[in-house]
Amino acid sequence: MEWMEFILSVATLVFGTGWLFTYRAHKRQENAKADQEEATAKQGAADAFKSMQDAYQQMHEDVLNRLKEVCDERDHYKDERDEERRANKELQGQVKELDERMTNLDLQYKRDISRLGRRIDVLSPFLCGVAGCMHRKKVSLMENIDDNSFATSGGNEKSEQ
């Protein structure tokens, strides 16, 4: 085909000015091919852009869905944290109440021990710390009880029967 065009071009050049028309026709044909290739390339680029846009849209939807899941999970953890805080507050209130009760009981026990100590001092002339003893030895209370008895006579000495 190219030889044929070349021969025609040479023949028209030799025989007259027809070579100009042949050259222009050939140029139009090449331009048409280039335009067609450019249109094909543009169509390919448009298709590639469309596929990129679809992929971006899908990624965007996936990210939004994941964000919604994460936000829901965060809200769930916030609710759990609030419940734990409420439970912790209740337990702290109970601990405070128990601490107050223990403090009150401790004060009450100290008052009772003091009262019993005063009673022992008042009754000590009439009592003896040793069962069955008639000598009326003084009775004292010990904080650390070594044996099963709750009273001893004198200081650290144990009374004998």
N, C-alpha and C. Protein backbone atom coordinates (compact mmCIF):
# COMPACT_ATOMS: atom_id res chain seq x y z
N MET A 1 0.83 -1.19 0.00
CA MET A 1 0.00 0.00 0.00
C MET A 1 0.87 1.25 0.00
N GLU A 2 1.94 1.22 0.75
CA GLU A 2 2.82 2.38 0.79
C GLU A 2 3.53 2.59 -0.56
N TRP A 3 3.90 1.47 -1.20
CA TRP A 3 4.55 1.60 -2.51
C TRP A 3 3.61 2.22 -3.52
N MET A 4 2.38 1.84 -3.34
CA MET A 4 1.39 2.35 -4.28
C MET A 4 1.23 3.85 -4.09
N GLU A 5 1.18 4.29 -2.87
CA GLU A 5 1.05 5.72 -2.59
C GLU A 5 2.29 6.46 -3.07
N PHE A 6 3.44 5.84 -2.90
CA PHE A 6 4.68 6.47 -3.34
C PHE A 6 4.71 6.63 -4.85
N ILE A 7 4.30 5.56 -5.54
CA ILE A 7 4.27 5.61 -7.01
C ILE A 7 3.29 6.66 -7.48
N LEU A 8 2.12 6.72 -6.83
CA LEU A 8 1.12 7.73 -7.20
C LEU A 8 1.66 9.13 -6.93
N SER A 9 2.32 9.29 -5.85
CA SER A 9 2.89 10.60 -5.52
C SER A 9 3.92 11.01 -6.55
N VAL A 10 4.79 10.10 -6.94
CA VAL A 10 5.82 10.40 -7.93
C VAL A 10 5.16 10.68 -9.28
N ALA A 11 4.14 9.90 -9.65
CA ALA A 11 3.45 10.09 -10.94
C ALA A 11 2.76 11.44 -10.98
N THR A 12 2.10 11.81 -9.91
CA THR A 12 1.42 13.11 -9.92
C THR A 12 2.43 14.25 -9.91
N LEU A 13 3.54 14.03 -9.28
CA LEU A 13 4.58 15.05 -9.27
C LEU A 13 5.13 15.24 -10.68
N VAL A 14 5.30 14.12 -11.35
CA VAL A 14 5.82 14.17 -12.71
C VAL A 14 4.78 14.77 -13.65
N PHE A 15 3.56 14.42 -13.55
CA PHE A 15 2.54 14.84 -14.50
C PHE A 15 1.87 16.16 -14.16
N GLY A 16 2.05 16.68 -12.94
CA GLY A 16 1.41 17.95 -12.64
C GLY A 16 1.36 18.22 -11.15
N THR A 17 0.44 19.07 -10.79
CA THR A 17 0.33 19.52 -9.41
C THR A 17 -0.58 18.61 -8.60
N GLY A 18 -0.90 17.50 -9.01
CA GLY A 18 -1.77 16.57 -8.29
C GLY A 18 -1.11 16.04 -7.03
N TRP A 19 0.20 16.14 -7.01
CA TRP A 19 0.91 15.65 -5.82
C TRP A 19 0.46 16.37 -4.56
N LEU A 20 0.06 17.66 -4.69
CA LEU A 20 -0.40 18.43 -3.54
C LEU A 20 -1.68 17.83 -2.99
N PHE A 21 -2.58 17.45 -3.88
CA PHE A 21 -3.85 16.85 -3.44
C PHE A 21 -3.62 15.48 -2.82
N THR A 22 -2.69 14.74 -3.40
CA THR A 22 -2.38 13.42 -2.87
C THR A 22 -1.77 13.55 -1.47
N TYR A 23 -0.87 14.48 -1.35
CA TYR A 23 -0.23 14.71 -0.05
C TYR A 23 -1.26 15.12 1.00
N ARG A 24 -2.17 16.00 0.65
CA ARG A 24 -3.21 16.44 1.57
C ARG A 24 -4.15 15.30 1.94
N ALA A 25 -4.49 14.46 0.99
CA ALA A 25 -5.36 13.31 1.27
C ALA A 25 -4.64 12.36 2.22
N HIS A 26 -3.36 12.13 1.96
CA HIS A 26 -2.58 11.25 2.83
C HIS A 26 -2.48 11.85 4.24
N LYS A 27 -2.29 13.15 4.31
CA LYS A 27 -2.19 13.83 5.60
C LYS A 27 -3.52 13.73 6.36
N ARG A 28 -4.64 13.89 5.65
CA ARG A 28 -5.96 13.75 6.29
C ARG A 28 -6.16 12.34 6.83
N GLN A 29 -5.72 11.35 6.04
CA GLN A 29 -5.86 9.97 6.48
C GLN A 29 -5.03 9.73 7.75
N GLU A 30 -3.82 10.25 7.81
CA GLU A 30 -2.98 10.10 9.00
C GLU A 30 -3.59 10.84 10.20
N ASN A 31 -4.13 12.02 9.94
CA ASN A 31 -4.77 12.77 11.01
C ASN A 31 -6.00 12.02 11.56
N ALA A 32 -6.76 11.40 10.65
CA ALA A 32 -7.93 10.63 11.08
C ALA A 32 -7.50 9.44 11.96
N LYS A 33 -6.41 8.77 11.56
CA LYS A 33 -5.90 7.65 12.37
C LYS A 33 -5.45 8.16 13.74
N ALA A 34 -4.74 9.30 13.75
CA ALA A 34 -4.25 9.86 15.02
C ALA A 34 -5.42 10.27 15.91
N ASP A 35 -6.46 10.87 15.29
CA ASP A 35 -7.65 11.25 16.07
C ASP A 35 -8.35 10.03 16.65
N GLN A 36 -8.42 8.97 15.83
CA GLN A 36 -9.05 7.74 16.31
C GLN A 36 -8.25 7.14 17.46
N GLU A 37 -6.92 7.12 17.33
CA GLU A 37 -6.08 6.60 18.41
C GLU A 37 -6.20 7.47 19.66
N GLU A 38 -6.26 8.78 19.45
CA GLU A 38 -6.42 9.69 20.59
C GLU A 38 -7.76 9.47 21.27
N ALA A 39 -8.81 9.28 20.48
CA ALA A 39 -10.14 9.03 21.06
C ALA A 39 -10.13 7.71 21.84
N THR A 40 -9.44 6.70 21.27
CA THR A 40 -9.34 5.41 21.97
C THR A 40 -8.56 5.59 23.28
N ALA A 41 -7.49 6.37 23.24
CA ALA A 41 -6.70 6.62 24.44
C ALA A 41 -7.54 7.38 25.47
N LYS A 42 -8.29 8.37 25.01
CA LYS A 42 -9.16 9.13 25.92
C LYS A 42 -10.21 8.22 26.53
N GLN A 43 -10.77 7.32 25.67
CA GLN A 43 -11.78 6.40 26.18
C GLN A 43 -11.15 5.47 27.23
N GLY A 44 -9.93 5.01 26.98
CA GLY A 44 -9.23 4.16 27.94
C GLY A 44 -8.94 4.92 29.24
N ALA A 45 -8.54 6.20 29.09
CA ALA A 45 -8.28 7.01 30.28
C ALA A 45 -9.57 7.25 31.05
N ALA A 46 -10.67 7.48 30.30
CA ALA A 46 -11.96 7.69 30.95
C ALA A 46 -12.40 6.42 31.68
N ASP A 47 -12.17 5.27 31.03
CA ASP A 47 -12.51 4.01 31.70
C ASP A 47 -11.64 3.79 32.94
N ALA A 48 -10.36 4.12 32.82
CA ALA A 48 -9.47 3.97 33.98
C ALA A 48 -9.90 4.92 35.09
N PHE A 49 -10.23 6.15 34.72
CA PHE A 49 -10.70 7.11 35.71
C PHE A 49 -11.99 6.64 36.36
N LYS A 50 -12.90 6.09 35.57
CA LYS A 50 -14.16 5.58 36.10
C LYS A 50 -13.91 4.43 37.07
N SER A 51 -12.99 3.53 36.73
CA SER A 51 -12.70 2.41 37.63
C SER A 51 -12.03 2.92 38.91
N MET A 52 -11.16 3.94 38.77
CA MET A 52 -10.54 4.53 39.96
C MET A 52 -11.60 5.20 40.84
N GLN A 53 -12.54 5.88 40.19
CA GLN A 53 -13.60 6.54 40.94
C GLN A 53 -14.48 5.52 41.65
N ASP A 54 -14.78 4.42 40.99
CA ASP A 54 -15.57 3.36 41.63
C ASP A 54 -14.82 2.76 42.82
N ALA A 55 -13.51 2.53 42.64
CA ALA A 55 -12.70 1.99 43.73
C ALA A 55 -12.65 2.97 44.89
N TYR A 56 -12.49 4.25 44.60
CA TYR A 56 -12.48 5.27 45.65
C TYR A 56 -13.82 5.30 46.39
N GLN A 57 -14.91 5.24 45.63
CA GLN A 57 -16.24 5.26 46.23
C GLN A 57 -16.43 4.06 47.15
N GLN A 58 -15.98 2.88 46.71
CA GLN A 58 -16.10 1.68 47.53
C GLN A 58 -15.25 1.82 48.79
N MET A 59 -14.03 2.34 48.64
CA MET A 59 -13.15 2.54 49.80
C MET A 59 -13.78 3.54 50.77
N HIS A 60 -14.37 4.59 50.23
CA HIS A 60 -15.02 5.60 51.06
C HIS A 60 -16.17 4.98 51.86
N GLU A 61 -16.98 4.16 51.21
CA GLU A 61 -18.08 3.49 51.91
C GLU A 61 -17.55 2.54 52.99
N ASP A 62 -16.48 1.81 52.68
CA ASP A 62 -15.88 0.90 53.66
C ASP A 62 -15.35 1.67 54.87
N VAL A 63 -14.70 2.79 54.62
CA VAL A 63 -14.16 3.60 55.72
C VAL A 63 -15.31 4.14 56.57
N LEU A 64 -16.38 4.61 55.94
CA LEU A 64 -17.53 5.12 56.70
C LEU A 64 -18.16 4.02 57.54
N ASN A 65 -18.29 2.81 56.96
CA ASN A 65 -18.85 1.69 57.72
C ASN A 65 -17.96 1.33 58.91
N ARG A 66 -16.64 1.30 58.69
CA ARG A 66 -15.72 0.99 59.77
C ARG A 66 -15.77 2.07 60.85
N LEU A 67 -15.86 3.33 60.42
CA LEU A 67 -15.96 4.43 61.37
C LEU A 67 -17.22 4.29 62.22
N LYS A 68 -18.32 3.93 61.59
CA LYS A 68 -19.57 3.73 62.34
C LYS A 68 -19.41 2.59 63.34
N GLU A 69 -18.77 1.50 62.92
CA GLU A 69 -18.54 0.38 63.84
C GLU A 69 -17.68 0.81 65.02
N VAL A 70 -16.62 1.56 64.75
CA VAL A 70 -15.72 2.01 65.81
C VAL A 70 -16.46 2.95 66.77
N CYS A 71 -17.28 3.85 66.21
CA CYS A 71 -18.04 4.77 67.07
C CYS A 71 -19.04 4.01 67.93
N ASP A 72 -19.71 3.01 67.35
CA ASP A 72 -20.64 2.19 68.13
C ASP A 72 -19.90 1.44 69.24
N GLU A 73 -18.73 0.90 68.91
CA GLU A 73 -17.94 0.20 69.91
C GLU A 73 -17.49 1.16 71.02
N ARG A 74 -17.08 2.36 70.63
CA ARG A 74 -16.67 3.37 71.62
C ARG A 74 -17.84 3.72 72.53
N ASP A 75 -19.04 3.90 71.94
CA ASP A 75 -20.21 4.21 72.76
C ASP A 75 -20.53 3.07 73.72
N HIS A 76 -20.36 1.84 73.25
CA HIS A 76 -20.59 0.67 74.10
C HIS A 76 -19.62 0.69 75.28
N TYR A 77 -18.35 0.98 75.00
CA TYR A 77 -17.35 1.05 76.08
C TYR A 77 -17.63 2.20 77.02
N LYS A 78 -18.12 3.32 76.50
CA LYS A 78 -18.49 4.44 77.37
C LYS A 78 -19.61 4.03 78.31
N ASP A 79 -20.62 3.32 77.78
CA ASP A 79 -21.72 2.86 78.63
C ASP A 79 -21.20 1.90 79.70
N GLU A 80 -20.32 0.97 79.31
CA GLU A 80 -19.76 0.05 80.30
C GLU A 80 -18.97 0.80 81.36
N ARG A 81 -18.19 1.80 80.93
CA ARG A 81 -17.40 2.59 81.87
C ARG A 81 -18.32 3.32 82.84
N ASP A 82 -19.41 3.90 82.33
CA ASP A 82 -20.34 4.60 83.20
C ASP A 82 -20.97 3.65 84.21
N GLU A 83 -21.32 2.44 83.76
CA GLU A 83 -21.88 1.45 84.68
C GLU A 83 -20.86 1.08 85.75
N GLU A 84 -19.60 0.88 85.34
CA GLU A 84 -18.55 0.54 86.30
C GLU A 84 -18.32 1.70 87.28
N ARG A 85 -18.40 2.91 86.80
CA ARG A 85 -18.25 4.07 87.69
C ARG A 85 -19.38 4.13 88.70
N ARG A 86 -20.62 3.86 88.24
CA ARG A 86 -21.75 3.84 89.17
C ARG A 86 -21.56 2.74 90.22
N ALA A 87 -21.16 1.55 89.77
CA ALA A 87 -20.94 0.45 90.71
C ALA A 87 -19.81 0.80 91.68
N ASN A 88 -18.75 1.41 91.17
CA ASN A 88 -17.63 1.81 92.01
C ASN A 88 -18.07 2.84 93.04
N LYS A 89 -18.91 3.78 92.61
CA LYS A 89 -19.41 4.81 93.54
C LYS A 89 -20.25 4.16 94.64
N GLU A 90 -21.09 3.19 94.25
CA GLU A 90 -21.90 2.49 95.26
C GLU A 90 -20.99 1.75 96.24
N LEU A 91 -19.98 1.06 95.71
CA LEU A 91 -19.06 0.33 96.59
C LEU A 91 -18.29 1.28 97.49
N GLN A 92 -17.89 2.43 96.97
CA GLN A 92 -17.19 3.40 97.81
C GLN A 92 -18.11 3.90 98.92
N GLY A 93 -19.39 4.09 98.59
CA GLY A 93 -20.36 4.49 99.62
C GLY A 93 -20.50 3.42 100.68
N GLN A 94 -20.56 2.16 100.25
CA GLN A 94 -20.67 1.06 101.21
C GLN A 94 -19.42 0.97 102.07
N VAL A 95 -18.24 1.15 101.44
CA VAL A 95 -17.00 1.10 102.21
C VAL A 95 -16.97 2.23 103.23
N LYS A 96 -17.40 3.42 102.81
CA LYS A 96 -17.43 4.56 103.73
C LYS A 96 -18.39 4.28 104.89
N GLU A 97 -19.55 3.72 104.56
CA GLU A 97 -20.53 3.39 105.60
C GLU A 97 -19.95 2.35 106.57
N LEU A 98 -19.31 1.31 106.02
CA LEU A 98 -18.71 0.29 106.88
C LEU A 98 -17.57 0.87 107.71
N ASP A 99 -16.79 1.77 107.14
CA ASP A 99 -15.71 2.42 107.88
C ASP A 99 -16.27 3.24 109.04
N GLU A 100 -17.36 3.96 108.78
CA GLU A 100 -17.99 4.73 109.86
C GLU A 100 -18.52 3.80 110.95
N ARG A 101 -19.15 2.70 110.52
CA ARG A 101 -19.66 1.75 111.51
C ARG A 101 -18.52 1.15 112.32
N MET A 102 -17.40 0.81 111.65
CA MET A 102 -16.26 0.25 112.38
C MET A 102 -15.68 1.28 113.34
N THR A 103 -15.61 2.53 112.92
CA THR A 103 -15.11 3.58 113.80
C THR A 103 -16.02 3.71 115.01
N ASN A 104 -17.33 3.72 114.76
CA ASN A 104 -18.29 3.80 115.87
C ASN A 104 -18.17 2.60 116.80
N LEU A 105 -18.05 1.40 116.21
CA LEU A 105 -17.90 0.20 117.03
C LEU A 105 -16.60 0.26 117.82
N ASP A 106 -15.52 0.73 117.20
CA ASP A 106 -14.24 0.84 117.89
C ASP A 106 -14.37 1.80 119.09
N LEU A 107 -15.02 2.94 118.85
CA LEU A 107 -15.24 3.88 119.96
C LEU A 107 -16.10 3.26 121.05
N GLN A 108 -17.13 2.52 120.64
CA GLN A 108 -18.01 1.86 121.60
C GLN A 108 -17.23 0.82 122.41
N TYR A 109 -16.38 0.03 121.74
CA TYR A 109 -15.58 -0.96 122.45
C TYR A 109 -14.62 -0.30 123.42
N LYS A 110 -13.99 0.80 123.01
CA LYS A 110 -13.09 1.51 123.91
C LYS A 110 -13.84 2.05 125.13
N ARG A 111 -15.05 2.58 124.90
CA ARG A 111 -15.87 3.07 126.01
C ARG A 111 -16.23 1.92 126.95
N ASP A 112 -16.63 0.77 126.34
CA ASP A 112 -16.99 -0.39 127.15
C ASP A 112 -15.80 -0.90 127.97
N ILE A 113 -14.61 -0.95 127.34
CA ILE A 113 -13.42 -1.41 128.07
C ILE A 113 -13.09 -0.45 129.21
N SER A 114 -13.21 0.85 128.91
CA SER A 114 -12.94 1.84 129.95
C SER A 114 -13.95 1.70 131.10
N ARG A 115 -15.22 1.51 130.75
CA ARG A 115 -16.27 1.35 131.76
C ARG A 115 -16.02 0.09 132.58
N LEU A 116 -15.68 -1.01 131.90
CA LEU A 116 -15.40 -2.26 132.62
C LEU A 116 -14.16 -2.12 133.49
N GLY A 117 -13.15 -1.37 133.01
CA GLY A 117 -11.96 -1.14 133.83
C GLY A 117 -12.32 -0.38 135.10
N ARG A 118 -13.18 0.63 134.98
CA ARG A 118 -13.61 1.38 136.17
C ARG A 118 -14.40 0.47 137.12
N ARG A 119 -15.23 -0.40 136.58
CA ARG A 119 -15.98 -1.34 137.43
C ARG A 119 -15.04 -2.27 138.17
N ILE A 120 -14.01 -2.75 137.45
CA ILE A 120 -13.05 -3.65 138.10
C ILE A 120 -12.33 -2.92 139.23
N ASP A 121 -11.95 -1.64 138.97
CA ASP A 121 -11.29 -0.87 140.03
C ASP A 121 -12.20 -0.71 141.25
N VAL A 122 -13.49 -0.49 140.99
CA VAL A 122 -14.44 -0.33 142.09
C VAL A 122 -14.65 -1.65 142.82
N LEU A 123 -14.73 -2.74 142.08
CA LEU A 123 -15.02 -4.04 142.67
C LEU A 123 -13.76 -4.80 143.10
N SER A 124 -12.57 -4.29 142.79
CA SER A 124 -11.35 -5.03 143.08
C SER A 124 -11.18 -5.39 144.55
N PRO A 125 -11.62 -4.59 145.51
CA PRO A 125 -11.48 -5.06 146.89
C PRO A 125 -12.32 -6.28 147.19
N PHE A 126 -13.34 -6.53 146.37
CA PHE A 126 -14.25 -7.64 146.66
C PHE A 126 -14.01 -8.84 145.75
N LEU A 127 -13.08 -8.72 144.78
CA LEU A 127 -12.86 -9.80 143.82
C LEU A 127 -11.42 -10.28 143.89
N CYS A 128 -11.22 -11.49 143.41
CA CYS A 128 -9.87 -12.02 143.25
C CYS A 128 -9.80 -12.62 141.85
N GLY A 129 -8.65 -12.46 141.22
CA GLY A 129 -8.50 -12.96 139.86
C GLY A 129 -8.35 -14.46 139.78
N VAL A 130 -8.10 -15.12 140.87
CA VAL A 130 -7.90 -16.55 140.87
C VAL A 130 -9.16 -17.18 141.44
N ALA A 131 -9.68 -18.13 140.71
CA ALA A 131 -10.91 -18.78 141.14
C ALA A 131 -10.69 -19.51 142.46
N GLY A 132 -11.56 -19.27 143.43
CA GLY A 132 -11.52 -19.95 144.72
C GLY A 132 -10.52 -19.36 145.70
N CYS A 133 -9.83 -18.28 145.36
CA CYS A 133 -8.84 -17.68 146.25
C CYS A 133 -9.54 -16.72 147.20
N MET A 134 -9.12 -16.72 148.46
CA MET A 134 -9.76 -15.87 149.45
C MET A 134 -8.89 -14.66 149.81
N HIS A 135 -7.74 -14.48 149.15
CA HIS A 135 -6.81 -13.42 149.50
C HIS A 135 -7.11 -12.09 148.82
N ARG A 136 -8.02 -12.04 147.98
CA ARG A 136 -8.46 -10.83 147.30
C ARG A 136 -7.30 -10.10 146.59
N LYS A 137 -6.65 -10.75 145.68
CA LYS A 137 -5.59 -10.13 144.90
C LYS A 137 -6.19 -9.25 143.82
N LYS A 138 -5.49 -8.15 143.46
CA LYS A 138 -6.02 -7.19 142.48
C LYS A 138 -6.09 -7.83 141.09
N VAL A 139 -7.14 -7.52 140.38
CA VAL A 139 -7.37 -8.06 139.04
C VAL A 139 -7.00 -6.99 138.03
N SER A 140 -6.22 -7.35 136.97
CA SER A 140 -5.92 -6.41 135.88
C SER A 140 -6.21 -7.09 134.54
N LEU A 141 -6.61 -6.30 133.58
CA LEU A 141 -6.89 -6.83 132.24
C LEU A 141 -5.63 -6.73 131.38
N MET A 142 -5.44 -7.70 130.50
CA MET A 142 -4.28 -7.67 129.60
C MET A 142 -4.78 -7.53 128.16
N GLU A 143 -4.04 -6.78 127.36
CA GLU A 143 -4.42 -6.65 125.95
C GLU A 143 -4.10 -7.93 125.20
N ASN A 144 -2.93 -8.50 125.46
CA ASN A 144 -2.54 -9.75 124.80
C ASN A 144 -2.73 -10.89 125.79
N ILE A 145 -3.72 -11.67 125.60
CA ILE A 145 -4.05 -12.75 126.53
C ILE A 145 -3.28 -13.98 126.11
N ASP A 146 -2.47 -14.52 127.03
CA ASP A 146 -1.64 -15.67 126.72
C ASP A 146 -2.37 -16.99 126.93
N ASP A 147 -3.26 -17.02 127.86
CA ASP A 147 -3.97 -18.27 128.16
C ASP A 147 -5.47 -18.04 128.04
N ASN A 148 -6.24 -18.97 128.53
CA ASN A 148 -7.69 -18.90 128.40
C ASN A 148 -8.34 -18.02 129.45
N SER A 149 -7.60 -17.56 130.45
CA SER A 149 -8.19 -16.70 131.47
C SER A 149 -8.19 -15.28 130.96
N PHE A 150 -9.10 -14.49 131.42
CA PHE A 150 -9.22 -13.10 130.98
C PHE A 150 -8.70 -12.13 132.03
N ALA A 151 -8.25 -12.63 133.14
CA ALA A 151 -7.75 -11.74 134.19
C ALA A 151 -6.58 -12.40 134.88
N THR A 152 -5.67 -11.59 135.36
CA THR A 152 -4.55 -12.10 136.14
C THR A 152 -4.47 -11.29 137.41
N SER A 153 -3.79 -11.83 138.32
CA SER A 153 -3.63 -11.10 139.57
C SER A 153 -2.29 -10.40 139.57
N GLY A 154 -2.19 -9.28 140.26
CA GLY A 154 -0.95 -8.54 140.35
C GLY A 154 -0.56 -7.99 139.00
N GLY A 155 0.74 -8.01 138.68
CA GLY A 155 1.20 -7.53 137.40
C GLY A 155 1.26 -8.64 136.40
N ASN A 156 2.49 -9.20 136.22
CA ASN A 156 2.68 -10.25 135.22
C ASN A 156 2.65 -11.64 135.84
N GLU A 157 2.57 -11.73 137.17
CA GLU A 157 2.58 -13.02 137.83
C GLU A 157 1.24 -13.70 137.75
N LYS A 158 1.24 -14.99 137.55
CA LYS A 158 -0.01 -15.76 137.54
C LYS A 158 -0.23 -16.28 138.95
N SER A 159 -1.42 -16.21 139.40
CA SER A 159 -1.72 -16.66 140.75
C SER A 159 -1.86 -18.16 140.77
N GLU A 160 -1.42 -18.71 141.83
CA GLU A 160 -1.53 -20.15 142.00
C GLU A 160 -2.62 -20.44 143.01
N GLN A 161 -3.26 -21.54 142.90
CA GLN A 161 -4.32 -21.91 143.84
C GLN A 161 -3.77 -22.55 145.06
